N, C-alpha and C. Protein backbone atom coordinates (compact mmCIF):
# COMPACT_ATOMS: atom_id res chain seq x y z
N MET A 1 84.19 11.13 47.95
CA MET A 1 84.82 10.90 46.65
C MET A 1 84.68 12.15 45.85
N LEU A 2 83.54 13.05 45.95
CA LEU A 2 83.54 14.13 45.63
C LEU A 2 83.72 15.42 46.07
N GLY A 3 83.87 15.47 47.44
CA GLY A 3 84.58 16.79 48.30
C GLY A 3 83.31 17.65 48.62
N VAL A 4 82.07 17.30 48.77
CA VAL A 4 81.15 18.28 48.56
C VAL A 4 80.11 17.69 49.63
N SER A 5 79.09 18.13 50.08
CA SER A 5 78.08 18.01 51.16
C SER A 5 76.84 17.05 50.84
N VAL A 6 76.42 16.65 51.49
CA VAL A 6 75.37 15.45 51.38
C VAL A 6 74.29 16.73 50.59
N GLY A 7 73.93 17.77 51.07
CA GLY A 7 72.92 18.44 50.37
C GLY A 7 73.22 18.86 48.75
N THR A 8 74.33 18.88 48.45
CA THR A 8 75.05 18.99 47.00
C THR A 8 74.83 18.09 46.17
N VAL A 9 75.25 16.76 47.00
CA VAL A 9 74.57 15.41 46.11
C VAL A 9 73.36 15.53 46.22
N GLN A 10 72.44 15.94 46.85
CA GLN A 10 71.15 16.00 46.37
C GLN A 10 70.80 16.57 45.23
N LEU A 11 71.46 17.99 45.26
CA LEU A 11 71.03 18.78 44.60
C LEU A 11 71.57 18.28 43.02
N TRP A 12 72.64 17.79 43.21
CA TRP A 12 73.10 17.25 41.74
C TRP A 12 72.39 16.21 41.43
N SER A 13 71.77 15.13 42.44
CA SER A 13 71.42 13.88 41.53
C SER A 13 69.61 14.76 41.50
N GLU A 14 69.14 15.59 41.91
CA GLU A 14 67.90 16.18 41.20
C GLU A 14 68.03 16.69 40.04
N SER A 15 69.07 17.81 40.03
CA SER A 15 69.46 18.32 38.37
C SER A 15 69.80 17.28 37.50
N GLY A 16 70.28 16.05 37.67
CA GLY A 16 70.56 15.14 36.67
C GLY A 16 71.82 14.71 36.63
N LEU A 17 72.68 15.76 37.42
CA LEU A 17 74.33 15.74 37.30
C LEU A 17 74.48 14.42 37.82
N LEU A 18 74.26 13.59 38.66
CA LEU A 18 74.31 11.96 39.09
C LEU A 18 73.24 11.43 38.87
N GLN A 19 73.25 9.97 38.79
CA GLN A 19 72.11 9.32 38.70
C GLN A 19 71.66 8.48 39.90
N ALA A 20 70.62 8.54 40.58
CA ALA A 20 70.36 8.04 41.90
C ALA A 20 68.99 7.99 41.69
N TRP A 21 68.38 7.22 42.96
CA TRP A 21 66.87 6.79 43.16
C TRP A 21 66.93 6.59 44.87
N LYS A 22 65.64 6.87 45.34
CA LYS A 22 64.91 7.10 46.40
C LYS A 22 64.74 5.96 46.85
N THR A 23 65.35 5.11 48.13
CA THR A 23 64.32 4.18 48.78
C THR A 23 63.11 3.92 49.49
N ALA A 24 62.42 2.99 49.48
CA ALA A 24 60.97 3.17 50.12
C ALA A 24 60.87 4.29 51.34
N GLY A 25 62.32 4.56 51.89
CA GLY A 25 62.25 5.24 53.24
C GLY A 25 62.83 6.54 53.25
N GLY A 26 63.24 6.82 51.88
CA GLY A 26 63.39 8.51 51.19
C GLY A 26 65.04 8.66 51.19
N HIS A 27 65.64 7.80 51.46
CA HIS A 27 67.10 7.75 51.32
C HIS A 27 67.82 8.01 49.88
N ARG A 28 68.37 8.63 49.56
CA ARG A 28 68.91 8.85 48.06
C ARG A 28 70.12 7.69 48.12
N ARG A 29 70.03 6.87 46.49
CA ARG A 29 71.23 6.06 46.45
C ARG A 29 71.83 6.12 45.31
N VAL A 30 73.12 6.81 45.44
CA VAL A 30 73.58 7.36 43.95
C VAL A 30 74.28 6.32 43.26
N ILE A 31 74.37 5.94 42.33
CA ILE A 31 75.00 4.81 41.53
C ILE A 31 76.60 5.18 41.24
N ARG A 32 77.45 4.09 42.10
CA ARG A 32 78.57 4.39 41.46
C ARG A 32 79.10 4.96 40.34
N GLU A 33 78.91 4.46 39.56
CA GLU A 33 79.48 4.48 38.03
C GLU A 33 79.12 6.39 37.62
N SER A 34 77.99 6.59 37.95
CA SER A 34 77.49 7.81 37.72
C SER A 34 78.61 8.89 38.82
N VAL A 35 79.20 8.60 39.51
CA VAL A 35 79.69 9.51 40.37
C VAL A 35 81.36 9.54 39.57
N GLU A 36 81.60 8.50 39.46
CA GLU A 36 82.77 8.11 38.86
C GLU A 36 83.16 9.04 37.24
N ARG A 37 81.88 8.85 36.36
CA ARG A 37 81.54 9.60 35.45
C ARG A 37 81.81 11.00 35.49
N LEU A 38 81.43 11.53 36.53
CA LEU A 38 81.34 13.04 36.78
C LEU A 38 82.53 13.29 37.46
N LEU A 39 83.33 12.58 37.86
CA LEU A 39 84.69 12.60 38.40
C LEU A 39 85.62 12.77 37.08
N HIS A 40 85.48 12.07 36.39
CA HIS A 40 86.39 11.92 35.22
C HIS A 40 86.06 12.64 33.92
N LYS A 41 84.60 13.12 33.91
CA LYS A 41 84.20 13.69 32.93
C LYS A 41 84.54 15.32 33.04
N ALA A 42 83.93 15.56 34.47
CA ALA A 42 84.58 17.16 34.64
C ALA A 42 85.62 17.58 33.76
N PRO A 43 85.16 19.10 32.75
CA PRO A 43 86.41 19.46 31.97
C PRO A 43 87.22 20.14 33.12
N ALA A 44 88.45 20.48 32.93
CA ALA A 44 89.49 21.30 33.52
C ALA A 44 88.89 22.68 33.98
N ALA A 45 88.38 23.41 32.66
CA ALA A 45 87.81 24.57 32.92
C ALA A 45 86.66 24.66 34.32
N VAL A 46 85.86 23.47 34.59
CA VAL A 46 85.24 23.48 35.50
C VAL A 46 85.60 23.51 36.79
N ILE A 47 86.85 22.21 37.27
CA ILE A 47 87.88 22.38 37.83
C ILE A 47 88.22 23.81 38.20
N ARG A 48 88.96 24.40 37.61
CA ARG A 48 89.67 25.69 37.51
C ARG A 48 88.49 26.80 38.03
N GLU A 49 87.38 27.03 37.30
CA GLU A 49 86.34 27.51 37.76
C GLU A 49 85.83 27.60 39.35
N ALA A 50 85.82 26.06 39.57
CA ALA A 50 85.48 25.87 40.98
C ALA A 50 86.60 26.24 42.22
N ALA A 51 87.76 26.51 41.65
CA ALA A 51 88.63 27.05 42.80
C ALA A 51 88.12 28.23 43.24
N ILE A 52 87.84 29.06 42.66
CA ILE A 52 87.28 30.49 43.07
C ILE A 52 88.29 31.36 43.43
N GLU A 53 88.85 31.60 42.02
CA GLU A 53 89.63 32.60 42.12
C GLU A 53 89.36 34.09 41.73
N PRO A 54 89.80 35.01 42.82
CA PRO A 54 89.10 36.03 42.72
C PRO A 54 89.77 37.14 41.79
N THR A 55 89.04 38.41 41.24
CA THR A 55 89.34 39.03 39.92
C THR A 55 89.08 40.41 40.53
N GLY A 56 88.78 40.46 41.91
CA GLY A 56 88.62 42.07 42.40
C GLY A 56 90.29 42.66 42.55
N ASN A 57 89.76 43.97 42.42
CA ASN A 57 90.82 45.01 42.74
C ASN A 57 91.58 45.53 43.99
N ALA A 58 91.01 45.05 45.10
CA ALA A 58 91.38 45.25 46.66
C ALA A 58 91.92 43.95 47.11
N LYS A 59 92.71 44.24 48.27
CA LYS A 59 93.36 43.09 48.80
C LYS A 59 92.35 42.32 49.69
N GLN A 60 92.85 41.06 50.07
CA GLN A 60 91.90 40.37 51.00
C GLN A 60 92.06 40.82 52.51
N SER A 61 91.13 40.94 52.81
CA SER A 61 91.22 41.44 54.17
C SER A 61 90.38 40.64 55.28
N ALA A 62 90.85 41.23 56.71
CA ALA A 62 89.78 40.26 57.52
C ALA A 62 88.13 40.58 57.49
N ASP A 63 87.91 41.66 56.72
CA ASP A 63 86.59 41.54 56.88
C ASP A 63 86.56 40.52 55.53
N ARG A 64 84.52 40.23 55.92
CA ARG A 64 84.00 39.56 54.69
C ARG A 64 83.98 40.34 53.79
N ARG A 65 84.22 39.33 52.08
CA ARG A 65 84.04 40.21 51.09
C ARG A 65 82.87 39.43 50.33
N LEU A 66 82.12 40.13 49.67
CA LEU A 66 81.00 39.91 48.86
C LEU A 66 81.62 38.88 47.39
N GLN A 67 80.86 37.97 47.50
CA GLN A 67 81.13 36.56 47.25
C GLN A 67 79.99 36.66 46.04
N VAL A 68 80.28 36.90 44.49
CA VAL A 68 79.46 36.86 43.13
C VAL A 68 80.05 35.92 42.37
N LEU A 69 79.09 35.00 42.04
CA LEU A 69 78.75 34.32 41.01
C LEU A 69 78.26 34.31 39.59
N VAL A 70 79.04 34.63 38.43
CA VAL A 70 78.37 34.87 36.99
C VAL A 70 78.23 33.81 36.50
N VAL A 71 76.89 33.35 35.82
CA VAL A 71 76.94 32.43 35.03
C VAL A 71 76.18 33.04 33.33
N GLU A 72 77.46 32.78 32.53
CA GLU A 72 76.80 33.25 31.36
C GLU A 72 77.69 32.41 30.43
N ASP A 73 76.88 31.80 29.47
CA ASP A 73 77.42 31.34 28.17
C ASP A 73 78.25 31.95 27.06
N ASP A 74 78.24 33.23 27.17
CA ASP A 74 78.62 34.48 26.14
C ASP A 74 80.03 34.59 26.79
N VAL A 75 81.02 34.42 26.16
CA VAL A 75 82.62 34.49 26.41
C VAL A 75 82.75 36.40 26.64
N ASN A 76 82.41 36.94 25.78
CA ASN A 76 82.47 38.45 25.71
C ASN A 76 81.96 39.09 27.00
N LEU A 77 80.86 38.69 26.88
CA LEU A 77 80.03 39.11 28.28
C LEU A 77 80.09 39.08 29.51
N LEU A 78 80.71 37.42 29.51
CA LEU A 78 81.44 37.11 30.58
C LEU A 78 82.35 38.11 31.03
N ARG A 79 83.29 38.10 30.11
CA ARG A 79 84.31 39.32 30.61
C ARG A 79 84.13 40.67 31.11
N LEU A 80 83.26 41.15 30.03
CA LEU A 80 82.46 42.44 30.53
C LEU A 80 81.85 42.58 32.47
N TYR A 81 81.01 41.17 32.71
CA TYR A 81 80.82 41.15 33.81
C TYR A 81 81.97 41.14 35.02
N GLU A 82 83.03 40.21 34.58
CA GLU A 82 84.11 40.59 35.34
C GLU A 82 84.75 41.59 35.50
N THR A 83 85.03 42.74 34.43
CA THR A 83 85.72 43.46 34.50
C THR A 83 84.70 45.28 35.39
N ARG A 84 83.83 44.65 35.02
CA ARG A 84 82.55 45.88 35.45
C ARG A 84 82.70 45.42 37.08
N ILE A 85 82.43 44.35 37.47
CA ILE A 85 82.14 43.86 39.03
C ILE A 85 83.24 44.25 39.84
N ALA A 86 84.27 43.87 39.01
CA ALA A 86 85.53 44.04 40.07
C ALA A 86 85.81 45.18 40.18
N ASN A 87 85.32 46.15 39.74
CA ASN A 87 85.64 47.54 40.11
C ASN A 87 84.47 48.03 40.93
N TRP A 88 83.43 47.59 41.44
CA TRP A 88 82.43 47.76 42.44
C TRP A 88 83.34 48.67 44.06
N PRO A 89 82.68 49.38 44.55
CA PRO A 89 83.13 49.69 45.36
C PRO A 89 83.29 48.86 46.89
N MET A 90 82.79 47.97 47.11
CA MET A 90 83.18 47.10 48.05
C MET A 90 84.01 45.87 47.55
N ALA A 91 84.68 45.86 46.52
CA ALA A 91 85.75 45.01 45.94
C ALA A 91 85.26 43.79 45.98
N PRO A 92 84.49 43.05 45.40
CA PRO A 92 83.63 41.84 45.40
C PRO A 92 84.67 40.83 45.21
N GLN A 93 84.88 39.34 45.55
CA GLN A 93 85.18 38.23 44.52
C GLN A 93 84.51 37.90 43.76
N VAL A 94 85.01 37.61 42.46
CA VAL A 94 84.02 37.33 41.50
C VAL A 94 84.55 36.19 40.62
N THR A 95 83.71 35.22 40.28
CA THR A 95 83.54 33.56 40.20
C THR A 95 83.02 33.80 39.15
N VAL A 96 83.41 32.98 37.92
CA VAL A 96 82.64 33.00 36.79
C VAL A 96 82.54 31.43 36.33
N ALA A 97 81.08 31.37 35.80
CA ALA A 97 81.10 30.10 34.97
C ALA A 97 80.55 29.79 33.94
N HIS A 98 80.98 29.44 32.73
CA HIS A 98 80.29 29.54 31.47
C HIS A 98 79.25 28.75 31.13
N ASN A 99 78.57 27.91 32.07
CA ASN A 99 77.51 26.99 32.13
C ASN A 99 76.84 26.74 33.19
N ALA A 100 75.83 26.17 33.59
CA ALA A 100 74.90 25.84 34.60
C ALA A 100 75.41 24.94 35.18
N PHE A 101 76.37 23.77 34.37
CA PHE A 101 76.89 22.49 35.06
C PHE A 101 77.78 23.07 35.75
N ALA A 102 78.97 23.93 35.07
CA ALA A 102 79.95 24.53 36.42
C ALA A 102 79.63 25.47 37.48
N ALA A 103 78.43 25.78 37.11
CA ALA A 103 77.68 27.17 38.59
C ALA A 103 77.34 25.94 39.67
N LEU A 104 76.78 25.09 39.02
CA LEU A 104 76.38 23.93 40.23
C LEU A 104 77.41 23.30 40.90
N LEU A 105 78.79 23.15 40.47
CA LEU A 105 79.34 22.43 40.91
C LEU A 105 80.27 23.66 41.78
N ILE A 106 80.45 24.88 41.23
CA ILE A 106 80.64 25.92 42.16
C ILE A 106 79.99 26.37 43.49
N MET A 107 79.13 26.32 43.22
CA MET A 107 77.62 26.53 44.48
C MET A 107 77.76 24.84 45.59
N GLY A 108 78.14 24.19 45.00
CA GLY A 108 77.86 22.91 45.92
C GLY A 108 79.19 22.92 46.81
N ARG A 109 80.32 23.77 46.30
CA ARG A 109 81.72 23.80 47.23
C ARG A 109 81.76 24.61 48.00
N THR A 110 81.15 26.23 47.59
CA THR A 110 81.37 27.52 48.15
C THR A 110 80.14 28.31 47.61
N CYS A 111 78.85 28.47 48.07
CA CYS A 111 78.24 29.03 48.10
C CYS A 111 78.04 30.48 48.05
N SER A 112 78.15 31.53 47.14
CA SER A 112 77.96 32.82 46.76
C SER A 112 76.97 33.76 47.62
N ASP A 113 77.20 34.83 47.87
CA ASP A 113 76.58 35.64 48.46
C ASP A 113 75.07 36.46 47.09
N LEU A 114 75.76 36.58 46.06
CA LEU A 114 74.73 36.74 44.99
C LEU A 114 75.53 36.30 43.75
N LEU A 115 74.37 35.43 43.24
CA LEU A 115 74.51 34.86 42.24
C LEU A 115 73.61 35.59 40.93
N ILE A 116 74.47 35.87 39.83
CA ILE A 116 73.80 36.50 38.70
C ILE A 116 74.11 35.05 37.58
N THR A 117 73.06 35.19 36.86
CA THR A 117 72.93 34.18 35.76
C THR A 117 71.83 34.50 34.46
N ASP A 118 72.11 33.93 33.49
CA ASP A 118 71.21 34.06 32.18
C ASP A 118 70.33 33.05 32.34
N LEU A 119 69.51 32.65 31.40
CA LEU A 119 68.51 31.55 31.68
C LEU A 119 68.88 30.76 30.32
N ARG A 120 69.42 31.31 29.19
CA ARG A 120 69.36 30.80 28.04
C ARG A 120 70.91 29.92 28.03
N MET A 121 71.17 28.70 28.55
CA MET A 121 72.52 28.03 28.16
C MET A 121 72.35 26.80 27.59
N PRO A 122 73.26 26.24 26.74
CA PRO A 122 73.14 24.80 26.07
C PRO A 122 73.56 23.85 27.44
N GLY A 123 73.00 22.76 27.35
CA GLY A 123 72.86 21.69 28.33
C GLY A 123 72.04 21.87 29.37
N ILE A 124 72.28 21.95 30.73
CA ILE A 124 71.40 22.31 31.96
C ILE A 124 71.14 24.24 31.76
N ASP A 125 70.01 24.56 31.46
CA ASP A 125 69.68 25.76 31.24
C ASP A 125 69.63 26.38 32.57
N GLY A 126 69.59 27.87 32.69
CA GLY A 126 69.26 28.48 34.05
C GLY A 126 68.05 27.99 34.66
N PHE A 127 66.78 27.83 34.01
CA PHE A 127 65.57 27.27 34.94
C PHE A 127 65.96 26.27 35.41
N VAL A 128 66.77 25.00 34.96
CA VAL A 128 67.07 23.58 35.93
C VAL A 128 67.52 24.08 36.95
N MET A 129 68.78 25.20 36.78
CA MET A 129 70.06 25.22 37.78
C MET A 129 69.54 26.34 38.70
N LEU A 130 68.19 26.98 38.82
CA LEU A 130 67.37 27.58 39.71
C LEU A 130 66.77 27.13 40.49
N ASN A 131 65.91 26.07 39.90
CA ASN A 131 65.14 24.97 40.74
C ASN A 131 65.83 24.34 41.22
N ALA A 132 66.64 23.64 41.09
CA ALA A 132 67.68 22.77 41.74
C ALA A 132 68.41 23.65 43.07
N LEU A 133 68.52 24.41 43.14
CA LEU A 133 69.09 25.56 43.72
C LEU A 133 68.25 25.69 44.78
N GLN A 134 67.05 25.90 44.49
CA GLN A 134 66.00 26.54 45.21
C GLN A 134 65.64 25.17 46.42
N ARG A 135 65.99 24.20 45.77
CA ARG A 135 66.07 22.63 46.89
C ARG A 135 67.05 22.86 47.56
N ALA A 136 68.52 23.46 47.31
CA ALA A 136 69.37 23.61 48.30
C ALA A 136 69.62 24.17 49.72
N PRO A 137 69.75 23.43 50.55
CA PRO A 137 70.07 24.10 51.73
C PRO A 137 71.28 25.26 51.63
N GLU A 138 72.24 24.89 51.16
CA GLU A 138 73.25 25.53 51.29
C GLU A 138 72.94 26.89 50.26
N ALA A 139 72.37 26.81 49.37
CA ALA A 139 72.10 28.19 48.57
C ALA A 139 70.74 29.17 49.14
N ALA A 140 70.42 28.39 50.56
CA ALA A 140 69.29 29.51 50.80
C ALA A 140 69.66 30.97 51.55
N ASN A 141 71.01 31.49 51.48
CA ASN A 141 71.27 32.86 51.61
C ASN A 141 71.61 33.73 50.38
N THR A 142 71.71 32.75 49.33
CA THR A 142 72.19 33.38 48.08
C THR A 142 71.27 34.39 47.32
N ARG A 143 71.46 35.58 47.17
CA ARG A 143 70.56 36.21 46.42
C ARG A 143 70.74 36.43 44.70
N VAL A 144 69.50 35.73 44.29
CA VAL A 144 69.90 35.53 43.27
C VAL A 144 69.27 36.57 41.96
N VAL A 145 70.08 36.90 40.92
CA VAL A 145 69.54 37.79 39.87
C VAL A 145 69.58 37.34 38.51
N VAL A 146 68.85 37.03 37.79
CA VAL A 146 68.36 36.89 36.20
C VAL A 146 68.58 37.94 35.39
N VAL A 147 69.68 37.60 34.48
CA VAL A 147 69.78 38.90 33.35
C VAL A 147 69.59 37.92 32.27
N THR A 148 68.38 38.59 31.48
CA THR A 148 68.16 37.77 30.13
C THR A 148 67.41 38.61 29.33
N GLY A 149 67.39 38.02 27.83
CA GLY A 149 66.85 38.36 27.09
C GLY A 149 65.31 38.14 26.36
N MET A 150 65.30 37.00 27.56
CA MET A 150 63.64 36.68 27.33
C MET A 150 62.79 37.79 27.88
N ASP A 151 61.48 37.95 27.28
CA ASP A 151 60.53 38.64 28.03
C ASP A 151 59.83 37.80 29.05
N ARG A 152 58.80 38.43 29.85
CA ARG A 152 58.39 37.55 30.91
C ARG A 152 57.35 36.69 30.56
N SER A 153 56.92 36.97 29.16
CA SER A 153 55.54 35.74 29.02
C SER A 153 56.79 34.42 28.53
N GLU A 154 57.67 34.60 27.75
CA GLU A 154 58.58 33.66 27.40
C GLU A 154 59.27 32.91 28.62
N VAL A 155 59.59 33.50 29.77
CA VAL A 155 59.69 33.15 31.21
C VAL A 155 58.69 32.26 31.81
N GLU A 156 57.50 32.85 31.77
CA GLU A 156 56.44 31.98 32.24
C GLU A 156 56.04 30.60 31.38
N ALA A 157 56.19 30.79 29.75
CA ALA A 157 56.00 29.63 29.46
C ALA A 157 56.78 28.49 29.54
N ARG A 158 58.02 28.98 30.14
CA ARG A 158 58.89 27.78 30.13
C ARG A 158 58.93 27.53 31.88
N GLY A 159 57.91 28.01 32.45
CA GLY A 159 57.20 27.18 33.78
C GLY A 159 57.98 28.28 34.95
N GLY A 160 58.05 29.47 34.54
CA GLY A 160 58.36 30.42 35.40
C GLY A 160 59.84 30.22 36.29
N LEU A 161 59.96 30.84 37.28
CA LEU A 161 61.30 31.11 38.45
C LEU A 161 60.67 31.23 39.47
N PRO A 162 61.47 30.51 40.47
CA PRO A 162 61.14 30.12 41.97
C PRO A 162 60.98 31.73 42.47
N PRO A 163 60.39 31.80 43.60
CA PRO A 163 60.21 32.85 44.02
C PRO A 163 61.05 33.91 44.96
N GLY A 164 60.97 34.99 44.53
CA GLY A 164 62.29 35.77 45.07
C GLY A 164 63.45 36.34 44.42
N ILE A 165 63.11 35.72 43.15
CA ILE A 165 64.33 36.17 41.99
C ILE A 165 64.09 37.41 41.21
N GLU A 166 64.64 38.51 41.36
CA GLU A 166 64.48 39.34 40.51
C GLU A 166 65.23 39.33 39.00
N VAL A 167 64.11 39.83 38.12
CA VAL A 167 64.47 39.31 36.45
C VAL A 167 64.93 40.77 36.20
N LEU A 168 65.59 40.92 35.59
CA LEU A 168 66.61 42.53 34.73
C LEU A 168 66.60 41.70 33.06
N ALA A 169 66.65 42.73 32.71
CA ALA A 169 66.43 42.59 31.12
C ALA A 169 67.72 43.24 30.35
N LYS A 170 68.44 42.11 29.54
CA LYS A 170 69.40 42.89 28.74
C LYS A 170 69.17 43.73 27.71
N PRO A 171 70.31 45.22 27.61
CA PRO A 171 71.46 44.71 27.89
C PRO A 171 71.76 44.83 29.09
N VAL A 172 72.97 44.38 30.07
CA VAL A 172 72.93 44.33 31.73
C VAL A 172 72.82 45.49 32.07
N PRO A 173 72.45 45.67 33.25
CA PRO A 173 72.30 46.72 33.96
C PRO A 173 72.80 46.81 35.01
N PHE A 174 74.27 47.23 34.54
CA PHE A 174 75.41 46.99 36.13
C PHE A 174 75.17 48.15 37.38
N ASP A 175 74.28 49.01 36.96
CA ASP A 175 73.84 49.88 38.02
C ASP A 175 72.93 49.42 38.87
N ARG A 176 72.31 48.49 38.32
CA ARG A 176 70.93 47.55 39.61
C ARG A 176 71.54 46.95 40.01
N LEU A 177 72.66 46.04 39.35
CA LEU A 177 73.30 45.23 40.17
C LEU A 177 74.15 45.38 40.80
N GLN A 178 74.73 46.93 40.81
CA GLN A 178 75.70 47.11 41.68
C GLN A 178 74.80 47.52 43.38
N GLN A 179 73.49 48.21 42.93
CA GLN A 179 72.69 48.27 44.19
C GLN A 179 72.20 47.28 44.74
N ILE A 180 72.12 46.08 44.11
CA ILE A 180 71.43 44.67 44.87
C ILE A 180 72.84 44.24 45.51
N ALA A 181 74.35 44.00 45.02
CA ALA A 181 75.14 44.19 45.52
C ALA A 181 75.50 44.76 47.33
N ALA A 182 75.44 45.98 47.07
CA ALA A 182 75.11 46.85 48.15
C ALA A 182 74.08 46.20 48.93
N GLU A 183 73.17 46.20 48.50
CA GLU A 183 72.04 45.85 49.46
C GLU A 183 72.41 44.07 50.36
N VAL A 184 72.82 43.28 49.69
CA VAL A 184 73.49 42.20 50.16
C VAL A 184 74.51 42.73 51.36
N VAL A 185 75.29 43.68 51.21
CA VAL A 185 76.65 43.70 51.93
C VAL A 185 75.93 44.42 53.19
N SER A 186 74.88 45.57 53.26
CA SER A 186 74.42 46.20 53.74
C SER A 186 73.33 45.22 54.95
N SER A 187 72.93 44.38 54.24
CA SER A 187 71.96 42.96 55.31
C SER A 187 72.96 42.43 56.21
N TRP A 188 74.05 42.33 56.08
CA TRP A 188 75.15 41.87 56.75
C TRP A 188 75.39 42.39 58.30
N GLN A 189 75.33 43.76 58.04
CA GLN A 189 74.82 44.57 59.37
C GLN A 189 73.93 45.02 60.13
N LEU A 190 72.86 44.01 59.80
CA LEU A 190 71.40 43.97 60.34
C LEU A 190 71.81 43.43 61.41
N PRO A 191 71.13 43.36 62.51
CA PRO A 191 70.51 42.47 63.74
C PRO A 191 70.11 40.64 63.15
N SER A 192 70.16 40.16 63.65
CA SER A 192 70.02 38.61 63.33
C SER A 192 68.57 38.78 63.41
N GLY A 193 67.75 38.56 62.18
CA GLY A 193 66.29 38.32 61.87
C GLY A 193 65.84 39.95 61.06
N MET A 194 66.62 40.64 60.91
CA MET A 194 66.26 42.08 60.36
C MET A 194 66.52 42.01 58.89
N ALA A 195 67.11 40.80 58.41
CA ALA A 195 67.65 41.30 56.97
C ALA A 195 66.47 40.88 55.93
């Protein structure tokens, strides 16, 4: 009904997007009305974002393109991200999400190579989203970077972040983000087990 994998349904149920419970045997049972609500409630903007439209300036080639997902609720900052990232030398495919709900939908359909996210967002915040993604096998190969105005003590007071996530301070350090993107692309050329 949703067109996503079982792992994504698990992710969505754990993050609260779907209502579900576990049987004594550990199997999830999703409430049908919850699925129908999600299908009918998803705003058109979320559906458009989930379609993964590229904004990069290079033509699609047979080579793999870096898939970047940016999650930010500030529309002006999101436009700045799109413009700057689309001009990186590796010509990434950029997808944007205005909130964590949209990001979880996008990640459930097509996992990005690089996820750049804010933490403070209305509704489901970055903390909930990142904890949910940590349990999603589909997101295991996604490099995650947080760009936030929160200081380290504020992040720790909220329970911290899953391991392996680099935290950068605002204003957005685009040079560092470009270095991280280049590291992701370079890791594709390493022999298996070397990344």
